[in-house]
N, C-alpha and C. Protein backbone atom coordinates (compact mmCIF):
# COMPACT_ATOMS: atom_id res chain seq x y z
N MET A 1 -49.85 23.36 17.71
CA MET A 1 -48.35 24.00 17.09
C MET A 1 -47.59 22.16 16.33
N PRO A 2 -47.34 23.41 15.33
CA PRO A 2 -46.73 21.67 14.13
C PRO A 2 -45.56 21.38 15.05
N LYS A 3 -44.87 19.79 15.13
CA LYS A 3 -43.60 19.97 15.65
C LYS A 3 -42.45 20.31 14.94
N PHE A 4 -43.02 20.47 13.14
CA PHE A 4 -41.59 21.12 12.42
C PHE A 4 -41.69 22.66 11.96
N VAL A 5 -40.66 23.15 11.04
CA VAL A 5 -41.30 24.87 10.37
C VAL A 5 -40.29 24.39 9.21
N SER A 6 -41.37 24.97 8.54
CA SER A 6 -40.77 24.98 7.21
C SER A 6 -38.91 26.31 6.91
N ALA A 7 -38.78 25.39 5.99
CA ALA A 7 -37.37 25.82 5.73
C ALA A 7 -37.22 26.59 5.64
N PRO A 8 -37.82 28.00 4.81
CA PRO A 8 -38.06 29.05 4.45
C PRO A 8 -37.78 30.03 5.76
N PHE A 9 -38.90 29.88 6.66
CA PHE A 9 -39.43 30.53 8.19
C PHE A 9 -37.84 30.27 8.98
N ARG A 10 -37.31 28.84 8.86
CA ARG A 10 -36.12 28.36 9.79
C ARG A 10 -34.90 29.84 9.48
N GLN A 11 -34.42 29.23 8.21
CA GLN A 11 -33.85 30.38 7.72
C GLN A 11 -33.81 31.77 7.58
N GLN A 12 -34.48 32.41 7.62
CA GLN A 12 -34.85 33.78 7.79
C GLN A 12 -34.47 33.69 9.65
N GLU A 13 -35.50 33.20 10.23
CA GLU A 13 -34.60 33.34 11.57
C GLU A 13 -33.34 33.13 12.20
N LEU A 14 -32.57 31.79 11.67
CA LEU A 14 -31.06 32.16 11.90
C LEU A 14 -30.35 33.29 11.84
N VAL A 15 -30.14 33.72 10.36
CA VAL A 15 -30.23 34.61 9.89
C VAL A 15 -29.72 36.16 10.23
N ASP A 16 -28.50 36.98 11.27
CA ASP A 16 -28.76 37.45 11.42
C ASP A 16 -28.57 39.24 10.18
N PRO A 17 -29.73 39.98 10.24
CA PRO A 17 -29.83 40.62 9.47
C PRO A 17 -29.26 41.88 9.49
N ARG A 18 -28.20 42.38 10.09
CA ARG A 18 -26.98 43.79 10.23
C ARG A 18 -26.05 42.57 9.33
N LEU A 19 -25.17 41.09 9.49
CA LEU A 19 -24.66 40.21 8.65
C LEU A 19 -24.95 39.86 7.14
N LEU A 20 -25.68 40.11 7.32
CA LEU A 20 -26.57 39.70 6.01
C LEU A 20 -26.17 40.66 5.08
N HIS A 21 -27.33 42.01 6.27
CA HIS A 21 -27.02 43.51 4.77
C HIS A 21 -25.34 43.81 4.50
N GLY A 22 -24.51 43.52 5.42
CA GLY A 22 -23.27 43.86 4.71
C GLY A 22 -22.84 43.07 3.95
N VAL A 23 -22.83 41.75 4.16
CA VAL A 23 -22.07 40.90 3.36
C VAL A 23 -23.02 40.78 1.98
N ARG A 24 -23.78 41.35 1.87
CA ARG A 24 -24.47 41.49 0.93
C ARG A 24 -24.22 42.96 -0.05
N ASN A 25 -24.28 43.93 1.09
CA ASN A 25 -22.97 44.86 0.39
C ASN A 25 -22.32 44.63 -0.51
N ALA A 26 -21.20 44.15 0.79
CA ALA A 26 -20.29 43.34 -0.55
C ALA A 26 -20.33 43.06 -1.36
N PHE A 27 -21.23 41.92 -1.70
CA PHE A 27 -21.32 41.71 -2.92
C PHE A 27 -21.66 42.34 -3.99
N ILE A 28 -22.49 43.34 -3.85
CA ILE A 28 -23.16 44.59 -4.74
C ILE A 28 -21.92 45.45 -4.77
N THR A 29 -21.11 45.80 -4.23
CA THR A 29 -20.51 46.59 -4.53
C THR A 29 -18.84 45.85 -4.73
N GLY A 30 -18.66 44.65 -5.19
CA GLY A 30 -17.62 43.81 -5.58
C GLY A 30 -17.83 43.78 -7.16
N LEU A 31 -19.47 43.98 -7.20
CA LEU A 31 -19.90 43.43 -8.87
C LEU A 31 -19.78 45.01 -9.30
N ALA A 32 -20.49 46.50 -8.88
CA ALA A 32 -20.58 47.45 -9.81
C ALA A 32 -18.72 47.41 -10.47
N LEU A 33 -17.92 47.53 -8.74
CA LEU A 33 -16.26 47.39 -9.49
C LEU A 33 -15.61 46.66 -10.44
N VAL A 34 -16.51 45.05 -10.31
CA VAL A 34 -16.18 44.38 -11.67
C VAL A 34 -15.91 44.74 -12.36
N LEU A 35 -17.79 44.94 -13.10
CA LEU A 35 -18.41 45.90 -13.86
C LEU A 35 -17.33 47.05 -14.75
N LEU A 36 -17.22 48.00 -13.72
CA LEU A 36 -16.75 49.39 -14.13
C LEU A 36 -15.28 49.15 -14.62
N LEU A 37 -14.80 48.51 -13.57
CA LEU A 37 -13.33 49.14 -13.75
C LEU A 37 -12.57 48.09 -14.01
N PRO A 38 -11.89 48.30 -15.10
CA PRO A 38 -11.14 47.17 -15.75
C PRO A 38 -10.01 46.85 -14.35
N ALA A 39 -9.01 47.75 -14.11
CA ALA A 39 -7.93 47.34 -12.72
C ALA A 39 -9.14 45.71 -12.14
N ALA A 40 -10.13 46.02 -11.92
CA ALA A 40 -10.96 44.84 -10.86
C ALA A 40 -10.59 44.28 -10.78
N ARG A 41 -10.71 43.54 -12.57
CA ARG A 41 -10.77 42.25 -13.26
C ARG A 41 -9.83 41.21 -13.26
N GLY A 42 -7.96 42.34 -12.78
CA GLY A 42 -7.18 41.91 -13.28
C GLY A 42 -6.68 41.33 -12.12
N HIS A 43 -5.10 41.17 -12.06
CA HIS A 43 -4.47 39.83 -11.07
C HIS A 43 -3.86 41.22 -9.92
N SER A 44 -3.82 40.92 -8.69
CA SER A 44 -2.97 41.70 -8.02
C SER A 44 -1.94 41.14 -7.05
N ASP A 45 -0.48 40.97 -7.03
CA ASP A 45 0.83 40.39 -6.71
C ASP A 45 0.18 39.69 -4.51
N TRP A 46 -0.36 41.10 -4.25
CA TRP A 46 -0.77 40.59 -3.15
C TRP A 46 -1.71 39.73 -2.85
N LEU A 47 -3.45 40.06 -4.25
CA LEU A 47 -4.44 39.42 -3.36
C LEU A 47 -5.12 38.66 -4.51
N GLY A 48 -3.92 38.24 -5.38
CA GLY A 48 -4.28 37.57 -5.89
C GLY A 48 -5.50 37.92 -7.81
N TRP A 49 -6.15 36.81 -7.67
CA TRP A 49 -7.43 37.51 -8.62
C TRP A 49 -8.13 37.66 -7.91
N MET A 50 -8.49 39.47 -8.72
CA MET A 50 -9.36 40.51 -7.73
C MET A 50 -11.16 40.04 -8.31
N PRO A 51 -11.63 39.75 -9.44
CA PRO A 51 -12.53 39.32 -9.27
C PRO A 51 -12.93 37.95 -7.78
N LEU A 52 -12.43 36.65 -7.88
CA LEU A 52 -12.31 36.26 -6.45
C LEU A 52 -12.22 36.79 -5.14
N TRP A 53 -12.13 37.63 -4.64
CA TRP A 53 -12.20 38.32 -3.46
C TRP A 53 -13.69 39.56 -3.95
N LEU A 54 -14.13 39.91 -4.55
CA LEU A 54 -14.91 40.99 -4.85
C LEU A 54 -16.39 40.26 -4.96
N LEU A 55 -16.34 39.05 -5.81
CA LEU A 55 -17.17 38.90 -6.34
C LEU A 55 -17.43 37.25 -5.91
N GLY A 56 -16.87 36.43 -5.66
CA GLY A 56 -16.64 34.57 -5.19
C GLY A 56 -16.92 34.71 -3.54
N MET A 57 -15.80 35.69 -2.71
CA MET A 57 -15.80 35.09 -1.43
C MET A 57 -17.24 35.87 -0.73
N PRO A 58 -17.24 37.28 -1.11
CA PRO A 58 -18.88 37.87 -0.38
C PRO A 58 -20.31 36.83 -1.27
N ALA A 59 -20.27 36.27 -1.96
CA ALA A 59 -21.07 34.86 -2.57
C ALA A 59 -21.14 33.91 -1.72
N VAL A 60 -20.42 33.41 -1.44
CA VAL A 60 -19.79 32.48 -0.94
C VAL A 60 -20.37 32.42 1.03
N ALA A 61 -19.80 34.12 1.02
CA ALA A 61 -20.96 34.10 2.29
C ALA A 61 -21.91 34.62 2.83
N TRP A 62 -22.26 35.03 1.67
CA TRP A 62 -23.84 35.91 0.91
C TRP A 62 -24.72 34.24 1.40
N TRP A 63 -23.80 32.67 0.85
CA TRP A 63 -24.71 31.76 1.21
C TRP A 63 -23.99 30.77 1.66
N SER A 64 -22.89 31.26 2.93
CA SER A 64 -22.71 30.08 4.26
C SER A 64 -24.07 30.74 4.90
N LEU A 65 -24.51 31.92 4.80
CA LEU A 65 -25.05 33.09 6.04
C LEU A 65 -26.41 31.60 5.90
N TYR A 66 -26.61 31.28 4.98
CA TYR A 66 -28.23 29.90 4.85
C TYR A 66 -27.75 29.07 4.82
N ARG A 67 -27.08 28.29 5.92
CA ARG A 67 -26.15 27.30 5.88
C ARG A 67 -26.14 26.63 4.69
N PHE A 68 -25.97 26.94 3.83
CA PHE A 68 -25.69 25.97 2.25
C PHE A 68 -26.74 25.12 1.69
N HIS A 69 -28.16 25.54 1.70
CA HIS A 69 -28.77 25.22 1.27
C HIS A 69 -28.89 25.31 -0.74
N LEU A 70 -29.11 24.53 -1.37
CA LEU A 70 -29.04 24.34 -2.03
C LEU A 70 -30.36 24.76 -2.83
N PRO A 71 -30.78 24.95 -3.86
CA PRO A 71 -32.34 25.35 -3.84
C PRO A 71 -32.95 23.88 -4.91
N LEU A 72 -33.84 23.10 -4.46
CA LEU A 72 -34.37 22.31 -4.46
C LEU A 72 -35.23 22.01 -6.40
N ARG A 73 -35.12 21.70 -7.03
CA ARG A 73 -35.84 21.91 -7.99
C ARG A 73 -36.87 20.52 -7.97
N LYS A 74 -37.67 20.96 -8.99
CA LYS A 74 -38.73 20.18 -9.11
C LYS A 74 -38.18 18.77 -9.61
N ALA A 75 -37.90 19.64 -11.36
CA ALA A 75 -37.15 18.38 -12.01
C ALA A 75 -35.83 17.16 -11.48
N THR A 76 -35.15 18.26 -10.93
CA THR A 76 -34.12 17.14 -10.15
C THR A 76 -34.85 16.09 -9.00
N ALA A 77 -35.63 16.06 -8.54
CA ALA A 77 -36.57 15.22 -7.81
C ALA A 77 -37.65 14.52 -8.90
N GLN A 78 -37.38 14.73 -9.63
CA GLN A 78 -38.46 13.65 -10.78
C GLN A 78 -37.55 12.74 -11.40
N GLU A 79 -36.49 13.00 -11.26
CA GLU A 79 -35.14 12.14 -12.02
C GLU A 79 -34.45 11.91 -11.31
N THR A 80 -34.31 11.87 -10.10
CA THR A 80 -33.42 10.94 -9.71
C THR A 80 -34.52 9.86 -9.28
N SER A 81 -36.25 10.51 -9.53
CA SER A 81 -36.85 8.95 -8.81
C SER A 81 -36.71 8.22 -10.32
N LYS A 82 -36.78 8.78 -11.69
CA LYS A 82 -36.67 7.89 -13.00
C LYS A 82 -35.56 6.67 -12.99
N ARG A 83 -34.62 8.08 -12.04
CA ARG A 83 -32.53 6.92 -11.95
C ARG A 83 -33.12 5.83 -11.08
N ALA A 84 -33.70 5.77 -9.92
CA ALA A 84 -34.15 5.01 -9.15
C ALA A 84 -35.20 3.54 -9.36
N ARG A 85 -35.97 4.09 -10.40
CA ARG A 85 -36.42 2.79 -11.57
C ARG A 85 -36.32 1.89 -12.42
N ARG A 86 -35.35 2.79 -12.79
CA ARG A 86 -34.39 1.90 -13.49
C ARG A 86 -33.51 1.04 -13.99
N ARG A 87 -33.04 0.79 -12.03
CA ARG A 87 -32.34 0.07 -11.62
C ARG A 87 -32.82 -1.20 -11.91
N ARG A 88 -31.74 -1.92 -12.53
CA ARG A 88 -32.24 -3.54 -12.46
C ARG A 88 -32.87 -4.39 -10.64
N PRO A 89 -33.29 -5.04 -10.40
CA PRO A 89 -33.49 -5.82 -9.32
C PRO A 89 -32.35 -7.09 -9.30
N GLY A 90 -31.64 -6.91 -8.13
CA GLY A 90 -30.33 -8.33 -8.13
C GLY A 90 -28.85 -8.15 -7.82
N THR A 91 -28.68 -9.10 -7.49
CA THR A 91 -27.05 -8.61 -7.34
C THR A 91 -26.23 -7.76 -8.53
N GLN A 92 -25.21 -7.67 -8.31
CA GLN A 92 -24.04 -7.32 -9.00
C GLN A 92 -23.74 -8.16 -9.53
N ALA A 93 -23.63 -8.36 -10.61
CA ALA A 93 -22.77 -9.64 -12.11
C ALA A 93 -21.51 -9.97 -11.11
N ARG A 94 -20.45 -10.03 -11.16
CA ARG A 94 -19.32 -11.53 -11.22
C ARG A 94 -18.83 -11.73 -11.97
N ARG A 95 -17.63 -11.27 -12.30
CA ARG A 95 -16.45 -10.85 -13.30
C ARG A 95 -16.22 -13.04 -13.45
N ARG A 96 -16.31 -13.20 -14.60
CA ARG A 96 -15.46 -14.23 -15.69
C ARG A 96 -14.58 -14.65 -15.87
N VAL A 97 -13.61 -15.18 -16.17
CA VAL A 97 -12.51 -15.77 -16.72
C VAL A 97 -12.41 -16.00 -18.30
N ALA A 98 -11.99 -14.80 -19.28
CA ALA A 98 -12.01 -15.18 -20.41
C ALA A 98 -11.13 -16.11 -21.03
N PRO A 99 -12.57 -17.07 -21.39
CA PRO A 99 -11.93 -18.45 -22.26
C PRO A 99 -10.35 -17.67 -23.78
N GLY A 100 -9.67 -18.73 -23.33
CA GLY A 100 -8.68 -18.51 -24.26
C GLY A 100 -7.17 -17.89 -23.43
N LEU A 101 -8.08 -17.01 -22.61
CA LEU A 101 -6.66 -17.19 -21.50
C LEU A 101 -5.99 -17.12 -19.59
N ARG A 102 -4.67 -17.54 -20.02
CA ARG A 102 -4.76 -18.75 -18.97
C ARG A 102 -3.32 -17.85 -18.26
N ARG A 103 -3.77 -18.35 -17.29
CA ARG A 103 -2.53 -17.05 -16.67
C ARG A 103 -1.42 -18.47 -15.98
N LEU A 104 -0.22 -17.18 -16.41
CA LEU A 104 1.32 -18.05 -16.71
C LEU A 104 1.05 -18.32 -14.90
N PRO A 105 2.92 -18.67 -14.78
CA PRO A 105 2.71 -20.01 -13.24
C PRO A 105 3.67 -18.77 -13.40
N ARG A 106 3.71 -18.26 -11.75
CA ARG A 106 4.94 -17.16 -11.37
C ARG A 106 6.21 -18.02 -10.74
N VAL A 107 6.86 -17.29 -10.92
CA VAL A 107 7.88 -17.54 -10.95
C VAL A 107 9.10 -16.76 -9.61
N ALA A 108 8.84 -17.57 -8.15
CA ALA A 108 9.41 -17.08 -7.04
C ALA A 108 11.25 -16.70 -6.89
């Protein structure tokens, strides 16, 4: 048996399906409300901006069920390796005093 488990299998194993189903239904219901009801796109004195609570919060809850894993694109991995290769070897440059500028004496 391998010592490590692939990430998709591990995520599926950790998420409670009942909770996932409820959060997914809340998100879909909020999406339908925001798209179909103009009042759901507005502002409430008690709750604030309605799309935040109808779409944003269920989306964040859904994302947090998967422990905040971001999708990793292959292009992102290639860009970071290109950036790492472009760096110059050596230490950071030191500041030099500009010629012609002299410091004024400090007054006590």
